[in-house]
Protein backbone atom coordinates (compact mmCIF):
# COMPACT_ATOMS: atom_id res chain seq x y z
CA MET A 1 0.00 -0.06 -0.03
CA LYS A 2 1.26 3.39 -1.06
CA LYS A 3 1.75 6.23 1.49
CA ARG A 4 -0.79 9.02 1.09
CA THR A 5 -0.02 12.59 1.70
CA ARG A 6 -2.70 14.53 3.46
CA ARG A 7 -2.59 18.17 2.40
CA LYS A 8 -4.40 20.74 4.39
CA ILE A 9 -6.29 23.18 2.28
CA TYR A 10 -7.14 26.47 3.95
CA PRO A 11 -9.95 28.38 2.43
CA LEU A 12 -9.09 31.88 1.46
CA VAL A 13 -12.76 33.00 1.72
CA ASN A 14 -15.41 31.95 4.24
CA PRO A 15 -17.98 30.41 1.99
CA ILE A 16 -20.86 31.22 4.33
CA THR A 17 -20.23 34.94 4.54
CA HIS A 18 -19.41 35.07 0.91
CA ALA A 19 -22.74 33.52 0.12
CA ILE A 20 -24.67 35.89 2.39
CA GLU A 21 -22.91 38.95 0.95
CA GLY A 22 -23.74 37.76 -2.52
CA ALA A 23 -27.43 37.42 -1.62
CA CYS A 24 -27.58 40.92 -0.02
CA ILE A 25 -28.24 44.11 -1.83
CA THR A 26 -24.97 45.99 -2.65
CA ASP A 27 -23.69 48.00 0.25
CA GLU A 28 -24.05 51.83 0.26
CA ALA A 29 -20.37 52.56 0.25
CA THR A 30 -19.78 50.62 -2.98
CA LEU A 31 -22.77 52.12 -4.62
CA SER A 32 -21.66 55.60 -3.71
CA LYS A 33 -18.19 54.88 -5.30
CA LEU A 34 -19.95 53.77 -8.54
CA ARG A 35 -22.16 56.86 -8.47
CA MET A 36 -19.36 59.24 -7.94
CA THR A 37 -17.25 57.58 -10.78
CA GLU A 38 -20.27 57.87 -13.23
CA LEU A 39 -21.17 61.39 -12.17
CA GLN A 40 -17.53 62.45 -12.55
CA ALA A 41 -17.47 61.03 -16.12
CA ILE A 42 -20.61 62.78 -17.02
CA ASP A 43 -19.30 66.12 -15.66
CA ALA A 44 -15.99 65.77 -17.54
CA PHE A 45 -18.07 65.30 -20.72
CA ARG A 46 -20.09 68.31 -19.83
CA ARG A 47 -16.90 70.43 -19.37
CA GLY A 48 -15.27 68.96 -22.59
CA VAL A 49 -12.26 67.42 -20.81
CA ALA A 50 -13.36 63.81 -20.98
CA THR A 51 -10.89 61.01 -21.50
CA GLN A 52 -11.21 57.63 -23.17
CA GLN A 53 -11.51 56.10 -19.77
CA HIS A 54 -14.63 58.27 -18.95
CA TRP A 55 -16.17 57.20 -22.23
CA HIS A 56 -15.62 53.51 -21.39
CA GLU A 57 -17.14 54.01 -17.90
CA LEU A 58 -20.27 55.54 -19.41
CA ASN A 59 -20.46 52.96 -22.31
CA GLU A 60 -20.25 50.13 -19.79
CA MET A 61 -22.97 51.66 -17.65
CA ALA A 62 -25.21 52.05 -20.73
CA SER A 63 -24.57 48.53 -21.92
CA ILE A 64 -25.23 47.01 -18.54
CA ALA A 65 -28.37 49.09 -18.14
CA GLU A 66 -29.61 47.93 -21.48
CA LEU A 67 -28.79 44.22 -20.60
CA MET A 68 -30.58 44.45 -17.35
CA ALA A 69 -33.61 46.09 -19.02
CA ARG A 70 -33.68 43.35 -21.63
CA SER A 71 -33.66 40.82 -18.88
CA GLY A 72 -36.59 42.40 -17.16
CA VAL A 73 -35.07 44.65 -14.47
CA GLY A 74 -36.48 48.10 -15.18
CA ILE A 75 -37.62 47.64 -18.80
CA GLU A 76 -38.30 51.52 -18.91
CA VAL A 77 -34.59 52.02 -19.00
CA LEU A 78 -34.24 50.45 -22.53
CA ALA A 79 -35.31 53.52 -24.49
CA VAL A 80 -32.91 55.96 -22.42
CA ALA A 81 -30.01 53.36 -22.83
CA LYS A 82 -30.47 53.28 -26.54
CA TYR A 83 -30.57 57.13 -26.70
CA ALA A 84 -27.48 57.32 -24.50
CA GLU A 85 -25.62 55.01 -26.85
CA THR A 86 -26.18 57.30 -29.75
CA HIS A 87 -24.88 60.25 -27.89
CA LEU A 88 -21.78 58.14 -26.95
CA LYS A 89 -21.29 57.28 -30.64
CA GLU A 90 -21.55 60.90 -31.59
CA ALA A 91 -19.01 61.80 -28.92
CA VAL A 92 -16.59 59.33 -30.56
CA PHE A 93 -17.12 60.81 -33.95
CA ARG A 94 -16.70 64.40 -32.55
CA TYR A 95 -13.49 63.30 -30.84
CA ARG A 96 -12.05 61.91 -34.07
CA GLU A 97 -12.84 65.23 -35.82
CA THR A 98 -12.00 67.86 -33.17
CA GLY A 99 -9.91 65.98 -30.60
CA VAL A 100 -12.31 67.05 -27.95
CA MET A 101 -14.54 64.54 -26.24
CA SER A 102 -17.78 66.22 -25.14
CA PHE A 103 -21.61 65.89 -25.35
CA LYS A 104 -24.09 68.42 -26.50
CA GLY A 105 -26.73 69.52 -24.09
CA LEU A 106 -29.15 66.71 -24.56
CA GLY A 107 -26.33 64.10 -24.19
CA VAL A 108 -25.60 65.29 -20.67
CA ILE A 109 -29.35 65.15 -19.70
CA THR A 110 -29.75 61.75 -21.16
CA LEU A 111 -26.72 60.35 -19.40
CA LYS A 112 -27.80 61.75 -16.02
CA ASP A 113 -31.25 60.19 -16.56
CA LEU A 114 -29.61 56.91 -17.46
CA GLN A 115 -27.32 57.09 -14.45
CA GLU A 116 -30.33 57.57 -12.19
CA TYR A 117 -32.25 54.76 -13.80
CA HIS A 118 -29.22 52.40 -13.59
CA ASP A 119 -28.68 53.25 -9.88
CA LEU A 120 -32.26 52.13 -9.30
CA GLN A 121 -31.60 48.92 -11.29
CA ARG A 122 -28.55 48.17 -9.15
CA GLN A 123 -30.44 48.79 -5.87
CA SER A 124 -33.19 46.49 -6.96
CA VAL A 125 -31.00 43.32 -7.57
CA SER A 126 -28.66 41.54 -5.24
CA ARG A 127 -24.96 41.94 -5.54
CA GLY A 128 -24.62 38.45 -7.04
CA GLU A 129 -27.23 39.10 -9.71
CA TYR A 130 -25.51 42.30 -10.62
CA TRP A 131 -22.13 40.50 -10.99
CA LEU A 132 -23.87 37.98 -13.15
CA PHE A 133 -25.12 40.75 -15.41
CA ILE A 134 -21.60 42.28 -15.61
CA LYS A 135 -20.20 38.83 -16.56
CA LYS A 136 -22.72 38.32 -19.11
CA MET A 137 -21.96 41.75 -20.59
CA ILE A 138 -18.24 40.87 -20.67
CA ASP A 139 -19.00 37.60 -22.47
CA LEU A 140 -21.20 39.31 -24.96
CA ARG A 141 -18.48 41.85 -25.73
CA THR A 142 -15.76 39.28 -26.19
CA SER A 143 -18.04 37.20 -28.56
CA ARG A 144 -18.69 40.05 -30.96
CA ALA A 145 -16.88 42.97 -32.56
CA PRO A 146 -17.50 46.40 -30.97
CA LEU A 147 -19.92 48.71 -32.72
CA VAL A 148 -17.68 51.75 -32.30
CA GLU A 149 -13.94 51.52 -31.71
CA ILE A 150 -12.54 54.48 -30.08
CA LEU A 151 -9.28 55.64 -31.69
């Protein structure tokens, strides 16, 4: 009979607390960080000093909001998300022509509305469900070519 090695495996994450946290609504501190990031990106577009990172943050917000709306979480967001994506595309074309990434007046209003709607979407699902939507969005992006490539 061969000798067997008994290896001790120490869990890095407590599975019970991890499951409880996944089933809970996302905590307020994390949500406030997301809100501030999105609002700062919208403000940068309003002032005309937005970067590619700001564009990507708002594009991801619009894409996840649209995916959640198509899945039945806040279906009224779908129209606003589509309208926001057209403003984001216009911002890319404007950036290619002028070198300045900004929105016109309606773009800022639309993105602020979308941010408020998406914030309500985030608050209405558990953290685990929200992460599943993010993962699904990543999988969709890797399986198809992007509609608008920036630069």
